[in-house]
Amino acid sequence: MQVILVDKRLPRALTLSITRRHALIALASLTVGVLLLSGAFSFLTVRVASVFHIPIISDVVSFVTRDELQRNDQRVRDSVATLARKLGEVQAQVLRLDVVGERMSRAAGIRPEEFRFAQLPGRGGAPSSNPMSLLELDLELKQLLQSVEQRADYLSVVEAELMAQQVRQALLPHSKPLADGFIGSGYGWRSDPFSGAMSHHSGVDFAAPAGTPIHAAAGGVVVVAEHHPVWGNVVEVDHGNTMLTRYAHASKLHVAPGDIVKRGQKLAEVGSTGRSTGPHLHFEVHHRGVAQNPAKFLFAKDSPLQQHAAGSARVDIKALAAAPSARN
């Protein structure tokens, strides 16, 4: 582009050639100049306002500063609200852990005064000189929440398994079927009371007066409650997991097939029905259809029944002398 300048003071006309490069340089120079002047004006305005306290300019500066502070304050409040929500989630998970932990401690037999989940343990250590930032605190809370959720899931699985074990234990015949009575004949080989021949005794005989209550050694379902030619009035209870108990020679039955019974519930009364020489309870424990030694289930180590089963029974001699031997 060419520009021709004409003036009466000039001896002749001037011709100026302006290229695109010249135009870009001029535009850039103008922009830089405007920015420099704007920055200088803003700086001088703030300085003058702070020194001479010009009301209008001071109001503008205060408005801009206040707006920036409000935005920063809003960002901090939003961050705190987010952290508060995460803290609430962690607290809820901790309460859940406390409840699960207390249930598990009771199930495991731990006394509440020995370990309290709701109380924090004592802590200590050297103080830290590096305070955490909001970003670091947010990250720590996220990791803590994830860790708590994983532990809660793990404790729930452990609690379920512990409860399953307790249910299985509750279905094992650990309770004595008679509150009173002594062992008249133990488990194993013996002389048959009727024929005198050697025979295997598949249970334990508890000698007791007629009418003595017979209780369930464990919870289960009554599958047999009838009269049998050998066992007389007999009750059989299925405890699940292929476990069954038999209560024979009763004088009277108090349950019927299909009844659900609890541990210690009255099933029948001691008698001498069937193939029997006197009032007593013949008690058997079967697992997978095979008769087991009841001593393994009924009593702890060194109990009279276990010693009797091992060949070293310590029964009441006076009671044996006073009562007739009752066997089947």
C-alpha atoms as a PDB file:
ATOM      1  CA  MET A   1       0.000   0.000   0.000  1.00  0.00           C
ATOM      2  CA  GLN A   2       1.267   3.516  -0.914  1.00  0.00           C
ATOM      3  CA  VAL A   3       0.390   6.798   0.826  1.00  0.00           C
ATOM      4  CA  ILE A   4       0.989  10.139  -1.034  1.00  0.00           C
ATOM      5  CA  LEU A   5       1.483  13.240   1.106  1.00  0.00           C
ATOM      6  CA  VAL A   6       0.882  16.620  -0.509  1.00  0.00           C
ATOM      7  CA  ASP A   7       1.613  19.946   1.257  1.00  0.00           C
ATOM      8  CA  LYS A   8       2.251  23.435  -0.062  1.00  0.00           C
ATOM      9  CA  ARG A   9       5.302  23.654   2.134  1.00  0.00           C
ATOM     10  CA  LEU A  10       6.797  20.611   0.478  1.00  0.00           C
ATOM     11  CA  PRO A  11       8.656  21.191  -2.796  1.00  0.00           C
ATOM     12  CA  ARG A  12       7.066  17.983  -4.148  1.00  0.00           C
ATOM     13  CA  ALA A  13       4.716  15.216  -3.074  1.00  0.00           C
ATOM     14  CA  LEU A  14       5.997  12.430  -0.779  1.00  0.00           C
ATOM     15  CA  THR A  15       5.179   8.828  -1.449  1.00  0.00           C
ATOM     16  CA  LEU A  16       5.268   6.338   1.485  1.00  0.00           C
ATOM     17  CA  SER A  17       5.146   2.589   0.893  1.00  0.00           C
ATOM     18  CA  ILE A  18       3.482   0.616   3.820  1.00  0.00           C
ATOM     19  CA  THR A  19       3.850  -3.120   3.724  1.00  0.00           C
ATOM     20  CA  ARG A  20       2.014  -5.747   5.776  1.00  0.00           C
ATOM     21  CA  ARG A  21       5.095  -6.148   7.947  1.00  0.00           C
ATOM     22  CA  HIS A  22       5.027  -2.444   8.801  1.00  0.00           C
ATOM     23  CA  ALA A  23       1.337  -2.682   9.694  1.00  0.00           C
ATOM     24  CA  LEU A  24       1.886  -5.647  12.032  1.00  0.00           C
ATOM     25  CA  ILE A  25       4.773  -3.891  13.772  1.00  0.00           C
ATOM     26  CA  ALA A  26       2.681  -0.782  14.269  1.00  0.00           C
ATOM     27  CA  LEU A  27      -0.263  -2.808  15.640  1.00  0.00           C
ATOM     28  CA  ALA A  28       1.968  -4.725  18.053  1.00  0.00           C
ATOM     29  CA  SER A  29       3.601  -1.523  19.237  1.00  0.00           C
ATOM     30  CA  LEU A  30       0.196   0.044  19.822  1.00  0.00           C
ATOM     31  CA  THR A  31      -1.002  -2.980  21.815  1.00  0.00           C
ATOM     32  CA  VAL A  32       2.095  -3.068  24.006  1.00  0.00           C
ATOM     33  CA  GLY A  33       1.784   0.626  24.601  1.00  0.00           C
ATOM     34  CA  VAL A  34      -1.845   0.344  25.668  1.00  0.00           C
ATOM     35  CA  LEU A  35      -1.022  -2.488  28.075  1.00  0.00           C
ATOM     36  CA  LEU A  36       1.882  -0.591  29.582  1.00  0.00           C
ATOM     37  CA  LEU A  37      -0.203   2.516  30.016  1.00  0.00           C
ATOM     38  CA  SER A  38      -3.062   0.491  31.544  1.00  0.00           C
ATOM     39  CA  GLY A  39      -0.743  -1.231  34.014  1.00  0.00           C
ATOM     40  CA  ALA A  40       0.928   2.016  34.943  1.00  0.00           C
ATOM     41  CA  PHE A  41      -2.423   3.680  35.401  1.00  0.00           C
ATOM     42  CA  SER A  42      -3.697   0.864  37.642  1.00  0.00           C
ATOM     43  CA  PHE A  43      -0.526   0.925  39.718  1.00  0.00           C
ATOM     44  CA  LEU A  44      -0.573   4.678  40.102  1.00  0.00           C
ATOM     45  CA  THR A  45      -4.267   4.600  40.907  1.00  0.00           C
ATOM     46  CA  VAL A  46      -3.811   2.105  43.730  1.00  0.00           C
ATOM     47  CA  ARG A  47      -0.765   3.968  45.063  1.00  0.00           C
ATOM     48  CA  VAL A  48      -2.462   7.304  44.938  1.00  0.00           C
ATOM     49  CA  ALA A  49      -5.621   5.916  46.509  1.00  0.00           C
ATOM     50  CA  SER A  50      -3.631   4.368  49.345  1.00  0.00           C
ATOM     51  CA  VAL A  51      -1.606   7.520  49.952  1.00  0.00           C
ATOM     52  CA  PHE A  52      -4.176  10.240  49.437  1.00  0.00           C
ATOM     53  CA  HIS A  53      -7.291   8.184  50.331  1.00  0.00           C
ATOM     54  CA  ILE A  54      -9.344   9.149  47.319  1.00  0.00           C
ATOM     55  CA  PRO A  55     -12.868   7.886  48.121  1.00  0.00           C
ATOM     56  CA  ILE A  56     -13.975   6.694  44.686  1.00  0.00           C
ATOM     57  CA  ILE A  57     -10.777   4.868  43.888  1.00  0.00           C
ATOM     58  CA  SER A  58     -10.633   3.379  47.391  1.00  0.00           C
ATOM     59  CA  ASP A  59     -14.174   2.082  46.967  1.00  0.00           C
ATOM     60  CA  VAL A  60     -13.299   0.437  43.662  1.00  0.00           C
ATOM     61  CA  VAL A  61     -10.202  -1.208  45.134  1.00  0.00           C
ATOM     62  CA  SER A  62     -12.138  -2.379  48.197  1.00  0.00           C
ATOM     63  CA  PHE A  63     -14.891  -3.836  46.012  1.00  0.00           C
ATOM     64  CA  VAL A  64     -12.424  -5.803  43.884  1.00  0.00           C
ATOM     65  CA  THR A  65     -10.539  -7.041  46.961  1.00  0.00           C
ATOM     66  CA  ARG A  66     -13.742  -7.997  48.766  1.00  0.00           C
ATOM     67  CA  ASP A  67     -15.021  -9.887  45.761  1.00  0.00           C
ATOM     68  CA  GLU A  68     -11.800 -11.888  45.554  1.00  0.00           C
ATOM     69  CA  LEU A  69     -11.909 -12.644  49.276  1.00  0.00           C
ATOM     70  CA  GLN A  70     -15.512 -13.819  48.974  1.00  0.00           C
ATOM     71  CA  ARG A  71     -14.597 -16.150  46.139  1.00  0.00           C
ATOM     72  CA  ASN A  72     -11.708 -17.587  48.173  1.00  0.00           C
ATOM     73  CA  ASP A  73     -13.938 -17.940  51.226  1.00  0.00           C
ATOM     74  CA  GLN A  74     -16.577 -19.774  49.162  1.00  0.00           C
ATOM     75  CA  ARG A  75     -13.941 -22.176  47.842  1.00  0.00           C
ATOM     76  CA  VAL A  76     -12.781 -22.890  51.415  1.00  0.00           C
ATOM     77  CA  ARG A  77     -16.384 -23.468  52.594  1.00  0.00           C
ATOM     78  CA  ASP A  78     -17.006 -25.844  49.698  1.00  0.00           C
ATOM     79  CA  SER A  79     -13.839 -27.777  50.546  1.00  0.00           C
ATOM     80  CA  VAL A  80     -14.785 -27.950  54.228  1.00  0.00           C
ATOM     81  CA  ALA A  81     -18.305 -29.142  53.336  1.00  0.00           C
ATOM     82  CA  THR A  82     -16.856 -31.882  51.138  1.00  0.00           C
ATOM     83  CA  LEU A  83     -14.487 -32.993  53.903  1.00  0.00           C
ATOM     84  CA  ALA A  84     -17.345 -32.912  56.418  1.00  0.00           C
ATOM     85  CA  ARG A  85     -19.418 -35.253  54.238  1.00  0.00           C
ATOM     86  CA  LYS A  86     -16.498 -37.653  53.927  1.00  0.00           C
ATOM     87  CA  LEU A  87     -15.910 -37.446  57.667  1.00  0.00           C
ATOM     88  CA  GLY A  88     -19.570 -38.345  58.232  1.00  0.00           C
ATOM     89  CA  GLU A  89     -19.177 -41.385  55.971  1.00  0.00           C
ATOM     90  CA  VAL A  90     -16.101 -42.496  57.908  1.00  0.00           C
ATOM     91  CA  GLN A  91     -17.916 -42.041  61.223  1.00  0.00           C
ATOM     92  CA  ALA A  92     -20.836 -44.137  59.968  1.00  0.00           C
ATOM     93  CA  GLN A  93     -18.452 -46.893  58.910  1.00  0.00           C
ATOM     94  CA  VAL A  94     -16.680 -46.750  62.280  1.00  0.00           C
ATOM     95  CA  LEU A  95     -20.028 -47.123  64.081  1.00  0.00           C
ATOM     96  CA  ARG A  96     -20.769 -50.119  61.902  1.00  0.00           C
ATOM     97  CA  LEU A  97     -17.385 -51.606  62.839  1.00  0.00           C
ATOM     98  CA  ASP A  98     -18.113 -50.975  66.522  1.00  0.00           C
ATOM     99  CA  VAL A  99     -21.421 -52.844  66.302  1.00  0.00           C
ATOM    100  CA  VAL A 100     -19.915 -55.772  64.383  1.00  0.00           C
ATOM    101  CA  GLY A 101     -16.928 -55.875  66.725  1.00  0.00           C
ATOM    102  CA  GLU A 102     -19.103 -55.948  69.825  1.00  0.00           C
ATOM    103  CA  ARG A 103     -21.247 -58.739  68.380  1.00  0.00           C
ATOM    104  CA  MET A 104     -18.145 -60.735  67.504  1.00  0.00           C
ATOM    105  CA  SER A 105     -16.594 -60.177  70.937  1.00  0.00           C
ATOM    106  CA  ARG A 106     -19.763 -61.434  72.646  1.00  0.00           C
ATOM    107  CA  ALA A 107     -19.916 -64.407  70.300  1.00  0.00           C
ATOM    108  CA  ALA A 108     -16.248 -65.186  71.003  1.00  0.00           C
ATOM    109  CA  GLY A 109     -16.809 -64.965  74.761  1.00  0.00           C
ATOM    110  CA  ILE A 110     -14.815 -61.756  75.304  1.00  0.00           C
ATOM    111  CA  ARG A 111     -16.144 -59.737  78.218  1.00  0.00           C
ATOM    112  CA  PRO A 112     -17.130 -56.123  77.374  1.00  0.00           C
ATOM    113  CA  GLU A 113     -14.814 -54.681  80.022  1.00  0.00           C
ATOM    114  CA  GLU A 114     -11.809 -56.411  78.465  1.00  0.00           C
ATOM    115  CA  PHE A 115     -12.065 -54.652  75.122  1.00  0.00           C
ATOM    116  CA  ARG A 116     -14.274 -51.683  74.275  1.00  0.00           C
ATOM    117  CA  PHE A 117     -14.673 -50.899  70.582  1.00  0.00           C
ATOM    118  CA  ALA A 118     -16.240 -47.477  71.182  1.00  0.00           C
ATOM    119  CA  GLN A 119     -13.214 -46.163  73.111  1.00  0.00           C
ATOM    120  CA  LEU A 120     -10.048 -45.003  71.400  1.00  0.00           C
ATOM    121  CA  PRO A 121      -6.816 -46.590  72.633  1.00  0.00           C
ATOM    122  CA  GLY A 122      -4.111 -44.399  74.149  1.00  0.00           C
ATOM    123  CA  ARG A 123      -1.814 -42.742  71.630  1.00  0.00           C
ATOM    124  CA  GLY A 124       1.229 -40.480  71.638  1.00  0.00           C
ATOM    125  CA  GLY A 125       4.374 -39.442  69.788  1.00  0.00           C
ATOM    126  CA  ALA A 126       6.443 -36.438  68.757  1.00  0.00           C
ATOM    127  CA  PRO A 127       4.555 -33.432  67.329  1.00  0.00           C
ATOM    128  CA  SER A 128       4.697 -32.854  63.566  1.00  0.00           C
ATOM    129  CA  SER A 129       6.074 -29.622  62.149  1.00  0.00           C
ATOM    130  CA  ASN A 130       4.438 -30.057  58.726  1.00  0.00           C
ATOM    131  CA  PRO A 131       0.713 -29.237  58.775  1.00  0.00           C
ATOM    132  CA  MET A 132      -1.476 -31.032  56.240  1.00  0.00           C
ATOM    133  CA  SER A 133      -2.952 -29.161  53.319  1.00  0.00           C
ATOM    134  CA  LEU A 134      -6.600 -29.506  52.298  1.00  0.00           C
ATOM    135  CA  LEU A 135      -5.572 -31.672  49.358  1.00  0.00           C
ATOM    136  CA  GLU A 136      -3.524 -33.994  51.594  1.00  0.00           C
ATOM    137  CA  LEU A 137      -6.349 -34.182  54.132  1.00  0.00           C
ATOM    138  CA  ASP A 138      -8.839 -35.051  51.397  1.00  0.00           C
ATOM    139  CA  LEU A 139      -6.541 -37.820  50.140  1.00  0.00           C
ATOM    140  CA  GLU A 140      -6.072 -39.231  53.654  1.00  0.00           C
ATOM    141  CA  LEU A 141      -9.825 -39.283  54.247  1.00  0.00           C
ATOM    142  CA  LYS A 142     -10.426 -41.127  50.974  1.00  0.00           C
ATOM    143  CA  GLN A 143      -7.824 -43.758  51.858  1.00  0.00           C
ATOM    144  CA  LEU A 144      -9.206 -44.098  55.394  1.00  0.00           C
ATOM    145  CA  LEU A 145     -12.767 -44.541  54.117  1.00  0.00           C
ATOM    146  CA  GLN A 146     -11.672 -47.224  51.689  1.00  0.00           C
ATOM    147  CA  SER A 147      -9.695 -49.006  54.412  1.00  0.00           C
ATOM    148  CA  VAL A 148     -12.653 -48.903  56.831  1.00  0.00           C
ATOM    149  CA  GLU A 149     -15.032 -50.304  54.201  1.00  0.00           C
ATOM    150  CA  GLN A 150     -12.644 -53.177  53.458  1.00  0.00           C
ATOM    151  CA  ARG A 151     -12.297 -54.003  57.146  1.00  0.00           C
ATOM    152  CA  ALA A 152     -16.060 -53.826  57.648  1.00  0.00           C
ATOM    153  CA  ASP A 153     -16.590 -56.311  54.830  1.00  0.00           C
ATOM    154  CA  TYR A 154     -13.897 -58.586  56.261  1.00  0.00           C
ATOM    155  CA  LEU A 155     -15.393 -58.460  59.762  1.00  0.00           C
ATOM    156  CA  SER A 156     -18.847 -59.225  58.346  1.00  0.00           C
ATOM    157  CA  VAL A 157     -17.477 -62.377  56.682  1.00  0.00           C
ATOM    158  CA  VAL A 158     -15.707 -63.403  59.896  1.00  0.00           C
ATOM    159  CA  GLU A 159     -18.876 -62.757  61.911  1.00  0.00           C
ATOM    160  CA  ALA A 160     -20.942 -64.881  59.531  1.00  0.00           C
ATOM    161  CA  GLU A 161     -18.461 -67.749  59.806  1.00  0.00           C
ATOM    162  CA  LEU A 162     -18.349 -67.423  63.604  1.00  0.00           C
ATOM    163  CA  MET A 163     -22.143 -67.523  63.791  1.00  0.00           C
ATOM    164  CA  ALA A 164     -22.195 -70.561  61.497  1.00  0.00           C
ATOM    165  CA  GLN A 165     -19.738 -72.308  63.796  1.00  0.00           C
ATOM    166  CA  GLN A 166     -21.894 -71.442  66.800  1.00  0.00           C
ATOM    167  CA  VAL A 167     -24.949 -72.869  65.052  1.00  0.00           C
ATOM    168  CA  ARG A 168     -23.048 -76.053  64.271  1.00  0.00           C
ATOM    169  CA  GLN A 169     -21.887 -76.264  67.882  1.00  0.00           C
ATOM    170  CA  ALA A 170     -25.433 -75.706  69.124  1.00  0.00           C
ATOM    171  CA  LEU A 171     -26.541 -78.723  67.098  1.00  0.00           C
ATOM    172  CA  LEU A 172     -23.932 -81.030  68.662  1.00  0.00           C
ATOM    173  CA  PRO A 173     -25.131 -83.190  71.588  1.00  0.00           C
ATOM    174  CA  HIS A 174     -23.053 -81.618  74.352  1.00  0.00           C
ATOM    175  CA  SER A 175     -25.710 -81.540  77.104  1.00  0.00           C
ATOM    176  CA  LYS A 176     -26.499 -84.448  79.415  1.00  0.00           C
ATOM    177  CA  PRO A 177     -29.903 -85.979  78.676  1.00  0.00           C
ATOM    178  CA  LEU A 178     -30.533 -86.496  82.404  1.00  0.00           C
ATOM    179  CA  ALA A 179     -30.015 -83.941  85.144  1.00  0.00           C
ATOM    180  CA  ASP A 180     -29.586 -86.762  87.701  1.00  0.00           C
ATOM    181  CA  GLY A 181     -28.468 -90.334  87.300  1.00  0.00           C
ATOM    182  CA  PHE A 182     -25.304 -92.391  87.089  1.00  0.00           C
ATOM    183  CA  ILE A 183     -23.675 -94.487  84.411  1.00  0.00           C
ATOM    184  CA  GLY A 184     -24.928 -98.048  84.579  1.00  0.00           C
ATOM    185  CA  SER A 185     -23.222 -99.289  81.429  1.00  0.00           C
ATOM    186  CA  GLY A 186     -20.782 -97.590  79.102  1.00  0.00           C
ATOM    187  CA  TYR A 187     -20.090 -97.673  75.381  1.00  0.00           C
ATOM    188  CA  GLY A 188     -18.239-100.685  73.932  1.00  0.00           C
ATOM    189  CA  TRP A 189     -18.031-104.439  74.315  1.00  0.00           C
ATOM    190  CA  ARG A 190     -19.766-106.053  77.299  1.00  0.00           C
ATOM    191  CA  SER A 191     -21.619-109.153  78.434  1.00  0.00           C
ATOM    192  CA  ASP A 192     -25.222-109.129  77.258  1.00  0.00           C
ATOM    193  CA  PRO A 193     -27.543-108.859  80.305  1.00  0.00           C
ATOM    194  CA  PHE A 194     -29.963-111.438  78.883  1.00  0.00           C
ATOM    195  CA  SER A 195     -27.816-114.009  77.021  1.00  0.00           C
ATOM    196  CA  GLY A 196     -24.446-113.498  78.713  1.00  0.00           C
ATOM    197  CA  ALA A 197     -22.698-113.446  75.328  1.00  0.00           C
ATOM    198  CA  MET A 198     -20.244-110.705  74.374  1.00  0.00           C
ATOM    199  CA  SER A 199     -21.986-107.948  72.448  1.00  0.00           C
ATOM    200  CA  HIS A 200     -21.242-104.371  71.455  1.00  0.00           C
ATOM    201  CA  HIS A 201     -23.143-101.737  73.423  1.00  0.00           C
ATOM    202  CA  SER A 202     -23.798 -98.863  71.007  1.00  0.00           C
ATOM    203  CA  GLY A 203     -24.613 -96.246  73.632  1.00  0.00           C
ATOM    204  CA  VAL A 204     -24.523 -95.296  77.309  1.00  0.00           C
ATOM    205  CA  ASP A 205     -27.034 -96.362  79.984  1.00  0.00           C
ATOM    206  CA  PHE A 206     -27.968 -93.793  82.622  1.00  0.00           C
ATOM    207  CA  ALA A 207     -29.616 -95.437  85.634  1.00  0.00           C
ATOM    208  CA  ALA A 208     -32.347 -93.219  87.123  1.00  0.00           C
ATOM    209  CA  PRO A 209     -35.741 -93.599  88.788  1.00  0.00           C
ATOM    210  CA  ALA A 210     -38.777 -94.089  86.576  1.00  0.00           C
ATOM    211  CA  GLY A 211     -40.366 -90.797  85.578  1.00  0.00           C
ATOM    212  CA  THR A 212     -37.091 -88.829  85.563  1.00  0.00           C
ATOM    213  CA  PRO A 213     -37.302 -86.218  82.739  1.00  0.00           C
ATOM    214  CA  ILE A 214     -35.250 -86.946  79.623  1.00  0.00           C
ATOM    215  CA  HIS A 215     -33.932 -83.807  77.903  1.00  0.00           C
ATOM    216  CA  ALA A 216     -32.655 -83.187  74.374  1.00  0.00           C
ATOM    217  CA  ALA A 217     -28.861 -83.156  74.261  1.00  0.00           C
ATOM    218  CA  ALA A 218     -29.028 -80.568  71.442  1.00  0.00           C
ATOM    219  CA  GLY A 219     -31.538 -78.793  69.254  1.00  0.00           C
ATOM    220  CA  GLY A 220     -33.035 -80.540  66.255  1.00  0.00           C
ATOM    221  CA  VAL A 221     -36.098 -82.167  64.691  1.00  0.00           C
ATOM    222  CA  VAL A 222     -37.829 -85.240  66.098  1.00  0.00           C
ATOM    223  CA  VAL A 223     -37.787 -87.945  63.424  1.00  0.00           C
ATOM    224  CA  VAL A 224     -38.900 -90.928  65.535  1.00  0.00           C
ATOM    225  CA  ALA A 225     -41.254 -91.049  68.531  1.00  0.00           C
ATOM    226  CA  GLU A 226     -42.769 -94.554  68.773  1.00  0.00           C
ATOM    227  CA  HIS A 227     -42.677 -97.941  70.448  1.00  0.00           C
ATOM    228  CA  HIS A 228     -39.945-100.350  69.303  1.00  0.00           C
ATOM    229  CA  PRO A 229     -39.657-104.075  70.207  1.00  0.00           C
ATOM    230  CA  VAL A 230     -36.063-103.633  71.427  1.00  0.00           C
ATOM    231  CA  TRP A 231     -35.851 -99.956  72.400  1.00  0.00           C
ATOM    232  CA  GLY A 232     -39.343 -99.709  73.862  1.00  0.00           C
ATOM    233  CA  ASN A 233     -40.637 -96.139  73.768  1.00  0.00           C
ATOM    234  CA  VAL A 234     -37.899 -94.409  71.789  1.00  0.00           C
ATOM    235  CA  VAL A 235     -37.249 -90.884  70.532  1.00  0.00           C
ATOM    236  CA  GLU A 236     -34.744 -89.994  67.811  1.00  0.00           C
ATOM    237  CA  VAL A 237     -33.717 -86.395  67.099  1.00  0.00           C
ATOM    238  CA  ASP A 238     -32.016 -85.309  63.880  1.00  0.00           C
ATOM    239  CA  HIS A 239     -29.549 -82.463  64.582  1.00  0.00           C
ATOM    240  CA  GLY A 240     -28.480 -81.894  60.974  1.00  0.00           C
ATOM    241  CA  ASN A 241     -25.035 -82.478  59.485  1.00  0.00           C
ATOM    242  CA  THR A 242     -25.762 -86.259  59.599  1.00  0.00           C
ATOM    243  CA  MET A 243     -25.937 -86.162  63.437  1.00  0.00           C
ATOM    244  CA  LEU A 244     -28.689 -88.084  65.320  1.00  0.00           C
ATOM    245  CA  THR A 245     -29.364 -88.947  68.978  1.00  0.00           C
ATOM    246  CA  ARG A 246     -31.503 -91.783  70.338  1.00  0.00           C
ATOM    247  CA  TYR A 247     -33.322 -91.920  73.713  1.00  0.00           C
ATOM    248  CA  ALA A 248     -34.675 -95.418  74.476  1.00  0.00           C
ATOM    249  CA  HIS A 249     -36.732 -97.382  77.069  1.00  0.00           C
ATOM    250  CA  ALA A 250     -38.836 -94.359  78.069  1.00  0.00           C
ATOM    251  CA  SER A 251     -42.015 -94.812  80.067  1.00  0.00           C
ATOM    252  CA  LYS A 252     -43.764 -91.862  78.434  1.00  0.00           C
ATOM    253  CA  LEU A 253     -43.149 -89.720  75.331  1.00  0.00           C
ATOM    254  CA  HIS A 254     -43.741 -85.944  75.242  1.00  0.00           C
ATOM    255  CA  VAL A 255     -42.923 -85.221  71.588  1.00  0.00           C
ATOM    256  CA  ALA A 256     -44.095 -86.373  68.172  1.00  0.00           C
ATOM    257  CA  PRO A 257     -42.368 -86.775  64.805  1.00  0.00           C
ATOM    258  CA  GLY A 258     -41.794 -83.417  63.137  1.00  0.00           C
ATOM    259  CA  ASP A 259     -41.519 -81.447  66.387  1.00  0.00           C
ATOM    260  CA  ILE A 260     -38.680 -78.937  66.571  1.00  0.00           C
ATOM    261  CA  VAL A 261     -36.943 -79.161  69.936  1.00  0.00           C
ATOM    262  CA  LYS A 262     -34.354 -77.016  71.676  1.00  0.00           C
ATOM    263  CA  ARG A 263     -31.384 -78.088  73.733  1.00  0.00           C
ATOM    264  CA  GLY A 264     -32.594 -79.135  77.195  1.00  0.00           C
ATOM    265  CA  GLN A 265     -36.240 -79.521  76.151  1.00  0.00           C
ATOM    266  CA  LYS A 266     -38.125 -82.419  77.760  1.00  0.00           C
ATOM    267  CA  LEU A 267     -38.561 -85.318  75.337  1.00  0.00           C
ATOM    268  CA  ALA A 268     -39.755 -88.191  77.501  1.00  0.00           C
ATOM    269  CA  GLU A 269     -39.555 -89.831  80.946  1.00  0.00           C
ATOM    270  CA  VAL A 270     -37.251 -92.618  82.130  1.00  0.00           C
ATOM    271  CA  GLY A 271     -38.811 -96.085  82.089  1.00  0.00           C
ATOM    272  CA  SER A 272     -38.075 -99.745  81.423  1.00  0.00           C
ATOM    273  CA  THR A 273     -39.948-100.499  78.203  1.00  0.00           C
ATOM    274  CA  GLY A 274     -38.601-102.812  75.517  1.00  0.00           C
ATOM    275  CA  ARG A 275     -35.594-105.062  76.107  1.00  0.00           C
ATOM    276  CA  SER A 276     -34.638-103.736  79.533  1.00  0.00           C
ATOM    277  CA  THR A 277     -33.916-105.059  83.023  1.00  0.00           C
ATOM    278  CA  GLY A 278     -34.955-101.912  84.949  1.00  0.00           C
ATOM    279  CA  PRO A 279     -35.587 -98.161  84.757  1.00  0.00           C
ATOM    280  CA  HIS A 280     -32.831 -96.391  82.845  1.00  0.00           C
ATOM    281  CA  LEU A 281     -32.126 -94.286  79.757  1.00  0.00           C
ATOM    282  CA  HIS A 282     -30.248 -95.793  76.851  1.00  0.00           C
ATOM    283  CA  PHE A 283     -28.611 -92.886  74.987  1.00  0.00           C
ATOM    284  CA  GLU A 284     -26.892 -93.104  71.596  1.00  0.00           C
ATOM    285  CA  VAL A 285     -25.136 -90.659  69.267  1.00  0.00           C
ATOM    286  CA  HIS A 286     -24.954 -91.460  65.545  1.00  0.00           C
ATOM    287  CA  HIS A 287     -22.880 -89.669  62.913  1.00  0.00           C
ATOM    288  CA  ARG A 288     -23.340 -90.606  59.264  1.00  0.00           C
ATOM    289  CA  GLY A 289     -25.367 -93.588  60.429  1.00  0.00           C
ATOM    290  CA  VAL A 290     -22.598 -94.986  62.642  1.00  0.00           C
ATOM    291  CA  ALA A 291     -22.894 -95.131  66.435  1.00  0.00           C
ATOM    292  CA  GLN A 292     -20.299 -92.988  68.209  1.00  0.00           C
ATOM    293  CA  ASN A 293     -19.073 -92.980  71.779  1.00  0.00           C
ATOM    294  CA  PRO A 294     -21.310 -90.381  73.510  1.00  0.00           C
ATOM    295  CA  ALA A 295     -18.402 -89.503  75.817  1.00  0.00           C
ATOM    296  CA  LYS A 296     -16.802 -87.598  72.926  1.00  0.00           C
ATOM    297  CA  PHE A 297     -19.747 -85.218  72.904  1.00  0.00           C
ATOM    298  CA  LEU A 298     -21.356 -85.136  76.337  1.00  0.00           C
ATOM    299  CA  PHE A 299     -18.583 -84.405  78.781  1.00  0.00           C
ATOM    300  CA  ALA A 300     -15.246 -82.637  78.986  1.00  0.00           C
ATOM    301  CA  LYS A 301     -11.901 -84.274  79.598  1.00  0.00           C
ATOM    302  CA  ASP A 302     -11.579 -86.398  82.769  1.00  0.00           C
ATOM    303  CA  SER A 303     -15.355 -86.610  83.181  1.00  0.00           C
ATOM    304  CA  PRO A 304     -16.768 -89.793  84.793  1.00  0.00           C
ATOM    305  CA  LEU A 305     -18.317 -90.894  81.510  1.00  0.00           C
ATOM    306  CA  GLN A 306     -15.052 -90.621  79.593  1.00  0.00           C
ATOM    307  CA  GLN A 307     -13.159 -92.433  82.339  1.00  0.00           C
ATOM    308  CA  HIS A 308     -15.798 -95.146  82.311  1.00  0.00           C
ATOM    309  CA  ALA A 309     -15.513 -95.446  78.521  1.00  0.00           C
ATOM    310  CA  ALA A 310     -11.733 -95.737  78.893  1.00  0.00           C
ATOM    311  CA  GLY A 311     -12.104 -98.535  81.443  1.00  0.00           C
ATOM    312  CA  SER A 312     -11.526 -96.475  84.586  1.00  0.00           C
ATOM    313  CA  ALA A 313     -14.966 -95.228  85.558  1.00  0.00           C
ATOM    314  CA  ARG A 314     -15.465 -93.576  88.937  1.00  0.00           C
ATOM    315  CA  VAL A 315     -19.128 -94.003  89.716  1.00  0.00           C
ATOM    316  CA  ASP A 316     -20.927 -93.540  92.986  1.00  0.00           C
ATOM    317  CA  ILE A 317     -20.450 -96.884  94.818  1.00  0.00           C
ATOM    318  CA  LYS A 318     -23.264 -96.190  97.276  1.00  0.00           C
ATOM    319  CA  ALA A 319     -25.666 -95.388  94.442  1.00  0.00           C
ATOM    320  CA  LEU A 320     -24.678 -98.573  92.610  1.00  0.00           C
ATOM    321  CA  ALA A 321     -25.297-100.611  95.743  1.00  0.00           C
ATOM    322  CA  ALA A 322     -28.657 -98.967  96.427  1.00  0.00           C
ATOM    323  CA  ALA A 323     -30.089 -99.234  92.905  1.00  0.00           C
ATOM    324  CA  PRO A 324     -30.557-102.381  90.772  1.00  0.00           C
ATOM    325  CA  SER A 325     -28.441-102.691  87.633  1.00  0.00           C
ATOM    326  CA  ALA A 326     -30.489-101.584  84.646  1.00  0.00           C
ATOM    327  CA  ARG A 327     -29.240-102.441  81.186  1.00  0.00           C
ATOM    328  CA  ASN A 328     -30.409-103.405  77.749  1.00  0.00           C
END
